[in-house]
C-alpha atoms as a PDB file:
ATOM      1  CA  UNK A   1      96.082  62.422  42.075  1.00  0.00           C
ATOM      2  CA  UNK A   2      99.592  61.098  41.517  1.00  0.00           C
ATOM      3  CA  UNK A   3      99.908  63.746  38.774  1.00  0.00           C
ATOM      4  CA  UNK A   4      98.934  66.411  41.301  1.00  0.00           C
ATOM      5  CA  UNK A   5     101.610  65.261  43.735  1.00  0.00           C
ATOM      6  CA  UNK A   6     104.283  65.079  41.054  1.00  0.00           C
ATOM      7  CA  UNK A   7     103.570  68.644  39.930  1.00  0.00           C
ATOM      8  CA  UNK A   8     103.882  70.081  43.424  1.00  0.00           C
ATOM      9  CA  UNK A   9     107.303  71.016  44.855  1.00  0.00           C
ATOM     10  CA  UNK A  10     107.516  68.503  47.689  1.00  0.00           C
ATOM     11  CA  UNK A  11     111.215  67.667  48.022  1.00  0.00           C
ATOM     12  CA  UNK A  12     112.896  68.402  51.364  1.00  0.00           C
ATOM     13  CA  UNK A  13     116.633  68.871  52.054  1.00  0.00           C
ATOM     14  CA  UNK A  14     116.818  65.783  54.254  1.00  0.00           C
ATOM     15  CA  UNK A  15     115.263  63.466  51.672  1.00  0.00           C
ATOM     16  CA  UNK A  16     118.626  62.246  50.367  1.00  0.00           C
ATOM     17  CA  UNK A  17     119.528  61.082  53.863  1.00  0.00           C
ATOM     18  CA  UNK A  18     116.494  58.859  54.250  1.00  0.00           C
ATOM     19  CA  UNK A  19     117.002  55.131  54.627  1.00  0.00           C
ATOM     20  CA  UNK A  20     116.343  52.991  51.582  1.00  0.00           C
ATOM     21  CA  UNK A  21     113.173  50.914  51.577  1.00  0.00           C
ATOM     22  CA  UNK A  22     112.881  47.342  50.359  1.00  0.00           C
ATOM     23  CA  UNK A  23     109.590  46.626  48.596  1.00  0.00           C
ATOM     24  CA  UNK A  24     107.790  43.404  47.769  1.00  0.00           C
ATOM     25  CA  UNK A  25     104.273  42.359  46.820  1.00  0.00           C
ATOM     26  CA  UNK A  26     101.865  39.651  47.890  1.00  0.00           C
ATOM     27  CA  UNK A  27      98.450  38.705  46.543  1.00  0.00           C
ATOM     28  CA  UNK A  28      95.817  37.232  48.829  1.00  0.00           C
ATOM     29  CA  UNK A  29      92.318  35.899  48.261  1.00  0.00           C
ATOM     30  CA  UNK A  30      89.498  38.386  48.752  1.00  0.00           C
ATOM     31  CA  UNK A  31      86.094  37.634  50.280  1.00  0.00           C
ATOM     32  CA  UNK A  32      84.225  37.535  46.950  1.00  0.00           C
ATOM     33  CA  UNK A  33      86.601  35.435  44.875  1.00  0.00           C
ATOM     34  CA  UNK A  34      88.651  38.521  44.047  1.00  0.00           C
ATOM     35  CA  UNK A  35      92.359  39.096  44.580  1.00  0.00           C
ATOM     36  CA  UNK A  36      93.849  41.717  46.923  1.00  0.00           C
ATOM     37  CA  UNK A  37      97.347  43.011  46.308  1.00  0.00           C
ATOM     38  CA  UNK A  38      99.490  43.951  49.305  1.00  0.00           C
ATOM     39  CA  UNK A  39     102.555  46.170  48.970  1.00  0.00           C
ATOM     40  CA  UNK A  40     105.031  45.275  51.719  1.00  0.00           C
ATOM     41  CA  UNK A  41     107.728  47.778  52.645  1.00  0.00           C
ATOM     42  CA  UNK A  42     110.557  47.512  55.155  1.00  0.00           C
ATOM     43  CA  UNK A  43     113.798  49.456  55.684  1.00  0.00           C
ATOM     44  CA  UNK A  44     116.789  47.998  53.876  1.00  0.00           C
ATOM     45  CA  UNK A  45     119.064  46.870  56.734  1.00  0.00           C
ATOM     46  CA  UNK A  46     121.899  44.405  56.218  1.00  0.00           C
ATOM     47  CA  UNK A  47     121.790  41.100  58.115  1.00  0.00           C
ATOM     48  CA  UNK A  48     118.414  41.741  59.723  1.00  0.00           C
ATOM     49  CA  UNK A  49     114.716  41.386  59.048  1.00  0.00           C
ATOM     50  CA  UNK A  50     113.082  44.672  60.092  1.00  0.00           C
ATOM     51  CA  UNK A  51     109.346  45.124  60.627  1.00  0.00           C
ATOM     52  CA  UNK A  52     107.178  45.534  57.563  1.00  0.00           C
ATOM     53  CA  UNK A  53     104.587  48.039  56.472  1.00  0.00           C
ATOM     54  CA  UNK A  54     101.769  46.843  54.219  1.00  0.00           C
ATOM     55  CA  UNK A  55      99.619  48.806  51.793  1.00  0.00           C
ATOM     56  CA  UNK A  56      96.533  47.253  50.268  1.00  0.00           C
ATOM     57  CA  UNK A  57      94.450  47.748  47.144  1.00  0.00           C
ATOM     58  CA  UNK A  58      90.773  47.315  48.076  1.00  0.00           C
ATOM     59  CA  UNK A  59      88.059  47.390  45.441  1.00  0.00           C
ATOM     60  CA  UNK A  60      87.078  51.019  45.633  1.00  0.00           C
ATOM     61  CA  UNK A  61      87.310  54.005  43.345  1.00  0.00           C
ATOM     62  CA  UNK A  62      89.973  56.589  43.994  1.00  0.00           C
ATOM     63  CA  UNK A  63      88.747  59.155  46.480  1.00  0.00           C
ATOM     64  CA  UNK A  64      91.784  60.906  47.902  1.00  0.00           C
ATOM     65  CA  UNK A  65      95.386  61.507  47.021  1.00  0.00           C
ATOM     66  CA  UNK A  66      97.237  59.559  49.677  1.00  0.00           C
ATOM     67  CA  UNK A  67      96.748  56.132  48.199  1.00  0.00           C
ATOM     68  CA  UNK A  68      98.832  55.859  45.022  1.00  0.00           C
ATOM     69  CA  UNK A  69     102.340  55.841  46.398  1.00  0.00           C
ATOM     70  CA  UNK A  70     103.719  52.915  44.422  1.00  0.00           C
ATOM     71  CA  UNK A  71     103.761  54.780  41.094  1.00  0.00           C
ATOM     72  CA  UNK A  72     104.996  58.105  42.444  1.00  0.00           C
ATOM     73  CA  UNK A  73     108.611  59.044  43.235  1.00  0.00           C
ATOM     74  CA  UNK A  74     107.493  61.944  45.417  1.00  0.00           C
ATOM     75  CA  UNK A  75     105.082  59.776  47.360  1.00  0.00           C
ATOM     76  CA  UNK A  76     107.701  57.065  47.655  1.00  0.00           C
ATOM     77  CA  UNK A  77     109.954  59.591  49.376  1.00  0.00           C
ATOM     78  CA  UNK A  78     107.176  60.564  51.788  1.00  0.00           C
ATOM     79  CA  UNK A  79     106.670  56.847  52.395  1.00  0.00           C
ATOM     80  CA  UNK A  80     110.368  56.335  53.234  1.00  0.00           C
ATOM     81  CA  UNK A  81     110.280  59.233  55.670  1.00  0.00           C
ATOM     82  CA  UNK A  82     107.239  57.874  57.469  1.00  0.00           C
ATOM     83  CA  UNK A  83     108.738  54.395  57.629  1.00  0.00           C
ATOM     84  CA  UNK A  84     112.021  55.577  59.131  1.00  0.00           C
ATOM     85  CA  UNK A  85     110.266  57.685  61.750  1.00  0.00           C
ATOM     86  CA  UNK A  86     108.053  54.887  63.026  1.00  0.00           C
ATOM     87  CA  UNK A  87     109.315  52.175  65.352  1.00  0.00           C
ATOM     88  CA  UNK A  88     106.596  49.749  64.302  1.00  0.00           C
ATOM     89  CA  UNK A  89     104.565  49.665  61.168  1.00  0.00           C
ATOM     90  CA  UNK A  90     101.024  50.281  60.107  1.00  0.00           C
ATOM     91  CA  UNK A  91      98.630  49.338  57.341  1.00  0.00           C
ATOM     92  CA  UNK A  92      97.936  52.552  55.410  1.00  0.00           C
ATOM     93  CA  UNK A  93      95.091  52.856  52.942  1.00  0.00           C
ATOM     94  CA  UNK A  94      95.527  52.377  49.233  1.00  0.00           C
ATOM     95  CA  UNK A  95      92.812  52.778  46.605  1.00  0.00           C
ATOM     96  CA  UNK A  96      92.327  51.275  43.180  1.00  0.00           C
ATOM     97  CA  UNK A  97      89.568  50.973  40.615  1.00  0.00           C
ATOM     98  CA  UNK A  98      90.281  47.682  38.771  1.00  0.00           C
ATOM     99  CA  UNK A  99      88.264  49.227  35.923  1.00  0.00           C
ATOM    100  CA  UNK A 100      84.907  48.406  37.517  1.00  0.00           C
ATOM    101  CA  UNK A 101      82.506  50.138  39.864  1.00  0.00           C
ATOM    102  CA  UNK A 102      82.901  48.452  43.247  1.00  0.00           C
ATOM    103  CA  UNK A 103      80.350  49.955  45.590  1.00  0.00           C
ATOM    104  CA  UNK A 104      80.229  49.627  49.356  1.00  0.00           C
ATOM    105  CA  UNK A 105      80.852  47.224  51.023  1.00  0.00           C
ATOM    106  CA  UNK A 106      83.410  45.753  48.582  1.00  0.00           C
ATOM    107  CA  UNK A 107      86.296  47.980  49.704  1.00  0.00           C
ATOM    108  CA  UNK A 108      85.491  47.497  53.376  1.00  0.00           C
ATOM    109  CA  UNK A 109      85.391  43.713  52.987  1.00  0.00           C
ATOM    110  CA  UNK A 110      88.784  43.784  51.295  1.00  0.00           C
ATOM    111  CA  UNK A 111      90.248  45.882  54.106  1.00  0.00           C
ATOM    112  CA  UNK A 112      88.909  43.440  56.682  1.00  0.00           C
ATOM    113  CA  UNK A 113      90.369  40.480  54.779  1.00  0.00           C
ATOM    114  CA  UNK A 114      93.761  42.181  54.559  1.00  0.00           C
ATOM    115  CA  UNK A 115      93.780  43.036  58.266  1.00  0.00           C
ATOM    116  CA  UNK A 116      93.059  39.411  59.167  1.00  0.00           C
ATOM    117  CA  UNK A 117      95.794  38.185  56.826  1.00  0.00           C
ATOM    118  CA  UNK A 118      98.415  40.580  58.175  1.00  0.00           C
ATOM    119  CA  UNK A 119      97.466  39.806  61.763  1.00  0.00           C
ATOM    120  CA  UNK A 120      97.836  36.079  61.083  1.00  0.00           C
ATOM    121  CA  UNK A 121     101.272  36.645  59.484  1.00  0.00           C
ATOM    122  CA  UNK A 122     102.587  39.388  61.751  1.00  0.00           C
ATOM    123  CA  UNK A 123     105.390  37.185  63.089  1.00  0.00           C
ATOM    124  CA  UNK A 124     106.699  36.562  59.557  1.00  0.00           C
ATOM    125  CA  UNK A 125     106.382  40.279  58.803  1.00  0.00           C
ATOM    126  CA  UNK A 126     108.189  41.238  62.005  1.00  0.00           C
ATOM    127  CA  UNK A 127     105.254  43.305  63.258  1.00  0.00           C
ATOM    128  CA  UNK A 128     104.797  43.765  66.994  1.00  0.00           C
ATOM    129  CA  UNK A 129     102.219  46.565  67.058  1.00  0.00           C
ATOM    130  CA  UNK A 130      99.628  46.691  64.282  1.00  0.00           C
ATOM    131  CA  UNK A 131      97.840  50.013  63.804  1.00  0.00           C
ATOM    132  CA  UNK A 132      95.616  51.220  60.987  1.00  0.00           C
ATOM    133  CA  UNK A 133      96.304  54.682  59.593  1.00  0.00           C
ATOM    134  CA  UNK A 134      94.523  56.458  56.776  1.00  0.00           C
ATOM    135  CA  UNK A 135      93.803  59.936  55.500  1.00  0.00           C
ATOM    136  CA  UNK A 136      90.426  61.236  54.307  1.00  0.00           C
ATOM    137  CA  UNK A 137      88.610  58.363  52.567  1.00  0.00           C
ATOM    138  CA  UNK A 138      91.310  55.997  53.807  1.00  0.00           C
ATOM    139  CA  UNK A 139      90.441  57.067  57.338  1.00  0.00           C
ATOM    140  CA  UNK A 140      86.798  56.274  56.557  1.00  0.00           C
ATOM    141  CA  UNK A 141      87.656  52.713  55.552  1.00  0.00           C
ATOM    142  CA  UNK A 142      89.879  52.030  58.532  1.00  0.00           C
ATOM    143  CA  UNK A 143      87.446  53.505  61.044  1.00  0.00           C
ATOM    144  CA  UNK A 144      84.787  51.269  59.492  1.00  0.00           C
ATOM    145  CA  UNK A 145      87.187  48.295  59.532  1.00  0.00           C
ATOM    146  CA  UNK A 146      87.677  48.747  63.269  1.00  0.00           C
ATOM    147  CA  UNK A 147      83.909  48.873  63.849  1.00  0.00           C
ATOM    148  CA  UNK A 148      83.423  45.797  61.654  1.00  0.00           C
ATOM    149  CA  UNK A 149      86.097  43.983  63.653  1.00  0.00           C
ATOM    150  CA  UNK A 150      84.326  44.918  66.864  1.00  0.00           C
ATOM    151  CA  UNK A 151      80.969  43.675  65.557  1.00  0.00           C
ATOM    152  CA  UNK A 152      82.456  40.392  64.308  1.00  0.00           C
ATOM    153  CA  UNK A 153      84.781  39.650  67.210  1.00  0.00           C
ATOM    154  CA  UNK A 154      88.254  40.143  65.673  1.00  0.00           C
ATOM    155  CA  UNK A 155      88.958  43.637  67.029  1.00  0.00           C
ATOM    156  CA  UNK A 156      91.971  42.301  68.967  1.00  0.00           C
ATOM    157  CA  UNK A 157      93.795  41.873  65.644  1.00  0.00           C
ATOM    158  CA  UNK A 158      94.339  45.668  65.692  1.00  0.00           C
ATOM    159  CA  UNK A 159      96.108  47.774  68.329  1.00  0.00           C
ATOM    160  CA  UNK A 160      94.689  51.166  67.348  1.00  0.00           C
ATOM    161  CA  UNK A 161      93.498  53.517  64.599  1.00  0.00           C
ATOM    162  CA  UNK A 162      95.046  56.818  63.521  1.00  0.00           C
ATOM    163  CA  UNK A 163      92.503  58.754  61.417  1.00  0.00           C
ATOM    164  CA  UNK A 164      93.742  61.889  59.665  1.00  0.00           C
ATOM    165  CA  UNK A 165      91.210  64.350  58.170  1.00  0.00           C
ATOM    166  CA  UNK A 166      88.483  61.655  58.044  1.00  0.00           C
ATOM    167  CA  UNK A 167      85.851  61.819  55.293  1.00  0.00           C
ATOM    168  CA  UNK A 168      82.910  60.164  57.045  1.00  0.00           C
ATOM    169  CA  UNK A 169      79.662  62.170  56.800  1.00  0.00           C
ATOM    170  CA  UNK A 170      78.319  62.076  53.238  1.00  0.00           C
ATOM    171  CA  UNK A 171      75.998  61.604  51.387  1.00  0.00           C
ATOM    172  CA  UNK A 172      73.128  62.324  53.750  1.00  0.00           C
ATOM    173  CA  UNK A 173      74.940  65.153  55.505  1.00  0.00           C
ATOM    174  CA  UNK A 174      75.502  67.108  52.320  1.00  0.00           C
ATOM    175  CA  UNK A 175      71.822  66.840  51.431  1.00  0.00           C
ATOM    176  CA  UNK A 176      70.928  69.055  54.387  1.00  0.00           C
ATOM    177  CA  UNK A 177      69.832  72.644  54.054  1.00  0.00           C
ATOM    178  CA  UNK A 178      72.495  75.293  54.540  1.00  0.00           C
ATOM    179  CA  UNK A 179      70.972  76.132  57.917  1.00  0.00           C
ATOM    180  CA  UNK A 180      71.178  72.523  59.124  1.00  0.00           C
ATOM    181  CA  UNK A 181      74.754  72.205  57.880  1.00  0.00           C
ATOM    182  CA  UNK A 182      75.767  75.382  59.708  1.00  0.00           C
ATOM    183  CA  UNK A 183      74.191  74.123  62.932  1.00  0.00           C
ATOM    184  CA  UNK A 184      75.404  70.508  62.948  1.00  0.00           C
ATOM    185  CA  UNK A 185      78.657  70.588  60.946  1.00  0.00           C
ATOM    186  CA  UNK A 186      79.632  74.268  60.532  1.00  0.00           C
ATOM    187  CA  UNK A 187      82.761  73.518  58.491  1.00  0.00           C
ATOM    188  CA  UNK A 188      80.497  72.395  55.627  1.00  0.00           C
ATOM    189  CA  UNK A 189      79.582  76.068  55.284  1.00  0.00           C
ATOM    190  CA  UNK A 190      82.610  77.879  56.707  1.00  0.00           C
ATOM    191  CA  UNK A 191      85.225  75.989  54.673  1.00  0.00           C
ATOM    192  CA  UNK A 192      83.240  75.089  51.561  1.00  0.00           C
ATOM    193  CA  UNK A 193      85.387  75.883  48.533  1.00  0.00           C
ATOM    194  CA  UNK A 194      88.701  75.928  50.380  1.00  0.00           C
ATOM    195  CA  UNK A 195      90.367  73.242  48.244  1.00  0.00           C
ATOM    196  CA  UNK A 196      87.316  70.944  48.598  1.00  0.00           C
ATOM    197  CA  UNK A 197      83.681  71.654  47.719  1.00  0.00           C
ATOM    198  CA  UNK A 198      80.543  69.843  48.829  1.00  0.00           C
ATOM    199  CA  UNK A 199      79.566  69.234  45.188  1.00  0.00           C
ATOM    200  CA  UNK A 200      82.871  67.469  44.557  1.00  0.00           C
ATOM    201  CA  UNK A 201      82.568  65.375  47.705  1.00  0.00           C
ATOM    202  CA  UNK A 202      79.016  64.388  46.791  1.00  0.00           C
ATOM    203  CA  UNK A 203      80.120  63.323  43.311  1.00  0.00           C
ATOM    204  CA  UNK A 204      82.965  61.168  44.632  1.00  0.00           C
ATOM    205  CA  UNK A 205      80.785  59.623  47.313  1.00  0.00           C
ATOM    206  CA  UNK A 206      78.194  58.625  44.721  1.00  0.00           C
ATOM    207  CA  UNK A 207      80.615  56.127  43.203  1.00  0.00           C
ATOM    208  CA  UNK A 208      81.327  54.574  46.574  1.00  0.00           C
ATOM    209  CA  UNK A 209      77.832  54.146  47.906  1.00  0.00           C
ATOM    210  CA  UNK A 210      74.676  55.318  46.187  1.00  0.00           C
ATOM    211  CA  UNK A 211      72.021  53.096  47.791  1.00  0.00           C
ATOM    212  CA  UNK A 212      69.469  55.317  49.522  1.00  0.00           C
ATOM    213  CA  UNK A 213      68.727  53.008  52.444  1.00  0.00           C
ATOM    214  CA  UNK A 214      72.408  52.929  53.419  1.00  0.00           C
ATOM    215  CA  UNK A 215      73.035  56.682  53.557  1.00  0.00           C
ATOM    216  CA  UNK A 216      73.311  56.561  57.350  1.00  0.00           C
ATOM    217  CA  UNK A 217      74.974  53.137  57.567  1.00  0.00           C
ATOM    218  CA  UNK A 218      77.883  53.714  59.983  1.00  0.00           C
ATOM    219  CA  UNK A 219      80.051  51.171  58.171  1.00  0.00           C
ATOM    220  CA  UNK A 220      79.751  53.315  55.026  1.00  0.00           C
ATOM    221  CA  UNK A 221      79.716  56.716  56.754  1.00  0.00           C
ATOM    222  CA  UNK A 222      81.041  56.377  60.333  1.00  0.00           C
ATOM    223  CA  UNK A 223      79.786  59.829  61.306  1.00  0.00           C
ATOM    224  CA  UNK A 224      76.415  58.146  61.844  1.00  0.00           C
ATOM    225  CA  UNK A 225      77.757  55.627  64.378  1.00  0.00           C
ATOM    226  CA  UNK A 226      75.883  55.425  67.675  1.00  0.00           C
ATOM    227  CA  UNK A 227      76.998  54.372  71.161  1.00  0.00           C
ATOM    228  CA  UNK A 228      76.467  50.658  70.486  1.00  0.00           C
ATOM    229  CA  UNK A 229      78.638  50.826  67.354  1.00  0.00           C
ATOM    230  CA  UNK A 230      81.529  52.404  69.246  1.00  0.00           C
ATOM    231  CA  UNK A 231      81.573  50.802  72.668  1.00  0.00           C
ATOM    232  CA  UNK A 232      84.577  48.528  73.120  1.00  0.00           C
ATOM    233  CA  UNK A 233      86.610  49.971  70.259  1.00  0.00           C
ATOM    234  CA  UNK A 234      90.396  50.128  70.463  1.00  0.00           C
ATOM    235  CA  UNK A 235      92.396  53.360  71.016  1.00  0.00           C
ATOM    236  CA  UNK A 236      91.933  56.129  68.452  1.00  0.00           C
ATOM    237  CA  UNK A 237      93.737  59.264  67.334  1.00  0.00           C
ATOM    238  CA  UNK A 238      91.745  61.729  65.207  1.00  0.00           C
ATOM    239  CA  UNK A 239      93.443  64.701  63.553  1.00  0.00           C
ATOM    240  CA  UNK A 240      91.632  67.429  61.591  1.00  0.00           C
ATOM    241  CA  UNK A 241      92.670  70.566  59.691  1.00  0.00           C
ATOM    242  CA  UNK A 242      91.149  73.941  60.601  1.00  0.00           C
ATOM    243  CA  UNK A 243      90.224  75.088  57.072  1.00  0.00           C
ATOM    244  CA  UNK A 244      89.011  71.674  55.933  1.00  0.00           C
ATOM    245  CA  UNK A 245      85.459  71.145  54.769  1.00  0.00           C
ATOM    246  CA  UNK A 246      85.559  67.807  56.639  1.00  0.00           C
ATOM    247  CA  UNK A 247      86.836  69.256  59.926  1.00  0.00           C
ATOM    248  CA  UNK A 248      83.691  69.039  62.023  1.00  0.00           C
ATOM    249  CA  UNK A 249      82.722  65.495  61.087  1.00  0.00           C
ATOM    250  CA  UNK A 250      86.065  64.321  62.467  1.00  0.00           C
ATOM    251  CA  UNK A 251      85.525  66.331  65.648  1.00  0.00           C
ATOM    252  CA  UNK A 252      82.001  64.942  66.003  1.00  0.00           C
ATOM    253  CA  UNK A 253      83.259  61.372  65.642  1.00  0.00           C
ATOM    254  CA  UNK A 254      85.943  61.933  68.280  1.00  0.00           C
ATOM    255  CA  UNK A 255      83.310  63.213  70.702  1.00  0.00           C
ATOM    256  CA  UNK A 256      81.182  60.137  70.071  1.00  0.00           C
ATOM    257  CA  UNK A 257      84.184  57.923  70.815  1.00  0.00           C
ATOM    258  CA  UNK A 258      84.761  59.685  74.121  1.00  0.00           C
ATOM    259  CA  UNK A 259      81.077  59.421  75.034  1.00  0.00           C
ATOM    260  CA  UNK A 260      81.320  55.660  74.400  1.00  0.00           C
ATOM    261  CA  UNK A 261      84.296  55.442  76.818  1.00  0.00           C
ATOM    262  CA  UNK A 262      86.739  54.684  74.003  1.00  0.00           C
ATOM    263  CA  UNK A 263      90.314  55.761  74.643  1.00  0.00           C
ATOM    264  CA  UNK A 264      90.695  58.550  72.121  1.00  0.00           C
ATOM    265  CA  UNK A 265      92.523  61.812  71.574  1.00  0.00           C
ATOM    266  CA  UNK A 266      92.430  64.431  68.864  1.00  0.00           C
ATOM    267  CA  UNK A 267      93.962  67.618  67.586  1.00  0.00           C
ATOM    268  CA  UNK A 268      93.393  70.377  65.036  1.00  0.00           C
ATOM    269  CA  UNK A 269      96.088  71.714  62.728  1.00  0.00           C
ATOM    270  CA  UNK A 270      95.479  75.449  62.635  1.00  0.00           C
ATOM    271  CA  UNK A 271      95.519  77.492  59.450  1.00  0.00           C
ATOM    272  CA  UNK A 272      95.780  74.691  56.875  1.00  0.00           C
ATOM    273  CA  UNK A 273      93.546  73.043  54.286  1.00  0.00           C
ATOM    274  CA  UNK A 274      92.481  69.423  53.906  1.00  0.00           C
ATOM    275  CA  UNK A 275      95.481  67.095  53.985  1.00  0.00           C
ATOM    276  CA  UNK A 276      98.002  69.917  53.607  1.00  0.00           C
ATOM    277  CA  UNK A 277     100.650  68.110  55.653  1.00  0.00           C
ATOM    278  CA  UNK A 278     100.813  65.576  52.816  1.00  0.00           C
ATOM    279  CA  UNK A 279     100.025  67.751  49.798  1.00  0.00           C
ATOM    280  CA  UNK A 280     102.349  70.616  50.702  1.00  0.00           C
ATOM    281  CA  UNK A 281     105.185  69.080  52.711  1.00  0.00           C
ATOM    282  CA  UNK A 282     107.762  71.499  51.243  1.00  0.00           C
ATOM    283  CA  UNK A 283     105.683  74.597  51.957  1.00  0.00           C
ATOM    284  CA  UNK A 284     104.847  73.552  55.532  1.00  0.00           C
ATOM    285  CA  UNK A 285     107.501  71.000  56.552  1.00  0.00           C
ATOM    286  CA  UNK A 286     106.852  71.455  60.270  1.00  0.00           C
ATOM    287  CA  UNK A 287     103.243  70.383  59.771  1.00  0.00           C
ATOM    288  CA  UNK A 288     104.446  67.399  57.759  1.00  0.00           C
ATOM    289  CA  UNK A 289     106.891  66.262  60.460  1.00  0.00           C
ATOM    290  CA  UNK A 290     104.215  66.740  63.091  1.00  0.00           C
ATOM    291  CA  UNK A 291     101.945  64.312  61.227  1.00  0.00           C
ATOM    292  CA  UNK A 292     104.760  61.771  60.908  1.00  0.00           C
ATOM    293  CA  UNK A 293     105.650  62.051  64.593  1.00  0.00           C
ATOM    294  CA  UNK A 294     102.005  61.687  65.574  1.00  0.00           C
ATOM    295  CA  UNK A 295     101.708  58.337  63.808  1.00  0.00           C
ATOM    296  CA  UNK A 296     105.013  57.123  65.225  1.00  0.00           C
ATOM    297  CA  UNK A 297     104.304  58.150  68.806  1.00  0.00           C
ATOM    298  CA  UNK A 298     100.856  56.540  68.702  1.00  0.00           C
ATOM    299  CA  UNK A 299     102.328  53.203  67.585  1.00  0.00           C
ATOM    300  CA  UNK A 300     105.147  53.408  70.133  1.00  0.00           C
ATOM    301  CA  UNK A 301     102.774  54.194  72.990  1.00  0.00           C
ATOM    302  CA  UNK A 302     100.631  51.166  72.174  1.00  0.00           C
ATOM    303  CA  UNK A 303     103.701  48.952  71.968  1.00  0.00           C
ATOM    304  CA  UNK A 304     104.915  50.155  75.370  1.00  0.00           C
ATOM    305  CA  UNK A 305     101.532  49.382  76.875  1.00  0.00           C
ATOM    306  CA  UNK A 306     101.655  45.870  75.423  1.00  0.00           C
ATOM    307  CA  UNK A 307     105.101  45.319  76.895  1.00  0.00           C
ATOM    308  CA  UNK A 308     104.038  46.610  80.302  1.00  0.00           C
ATOM    309  CA  UNK A 309     101.203  44.110  80.314  1.00  0.00           C
ATOM    310  CA  UNK A 310     103.671  41.345  79.558  1.00  0.00           C
ATOM    311  CA  UNK A 311     102.313  40.974  76.046  1.00  0.00           C
ATOM    312  CA  UNK A 312     104.685  41.041  73.105  1.00  0.00           C
ATOM    313  CA  UNK A 313     102.097  41.208  70.380  1.00  0.00           C
ATOM    314  CA  UNK A 314     103.081  39.190  67.347  1.00  0.00           C
ATOM    315  CA  UNK A 315     105.779  37.188  69.123  1.00  0.00           C
ATOM    316  CA  UNK A 316     104.349  34.036  67.656  1.00  0.00           C
END
């Protein structure tokens, strides 16, 4: 997918004015004797130690294009823009294969381990407000990470989740008849073939999780979460694209959050395909900036709430 990005015209006039980013790496122990690589990014500011942003490489096959920024000049520029526009930093999703087939729950376990590590070191990283943000399959993993944290009692390590165009309903959903798809998740029919196709999504999902008894496991496919899975979760933002095959599963998940009394909000980007704000930032720059501002404002709002409560999260 890096090749796709690099062959699209994605430069913007203001790119040359963006602040430089300082990058470093750290490797932590994974839950199964594996190693997890973190990519730590912070703005290059003289005589100061600004807050960091961390990307991780969980054991999961590549599933979406927003997770290979380190090797891509175009994606690095998008990364710089997002970093400068946010007051505090997030943990975005990053995917890697490691040359082996790592089925669910390997990637989820790695995400959970990375979240715990970053939370424990947030003072050293200069992080005050820690949100998770991912697109498509990255949104799947971070939604599931939040639910796992809730189940296991470490949900307070995270301030909130920003899920963009979440990919959370397969495989079981795409095995339905056309009539059932049209009734329960109409975008599976209405938007099938607009950039994404159900056959493609099924094929990619197979490599993540192909065990029949887990096809409705909410930690693999959060669309199937029920009230008990969601109650007590932290604040959420869910954003979907109108012409996206995955549109209605994101909407359905947002409604479930609200029914479980979770603080959540959502929006739909009209007239665009799956992930267009990232794929086509030059063609639709206003949509791109909207996505960047959405992430930034979500983090800032959670930080303000923490300050109002007298809590400076990560102060030591």
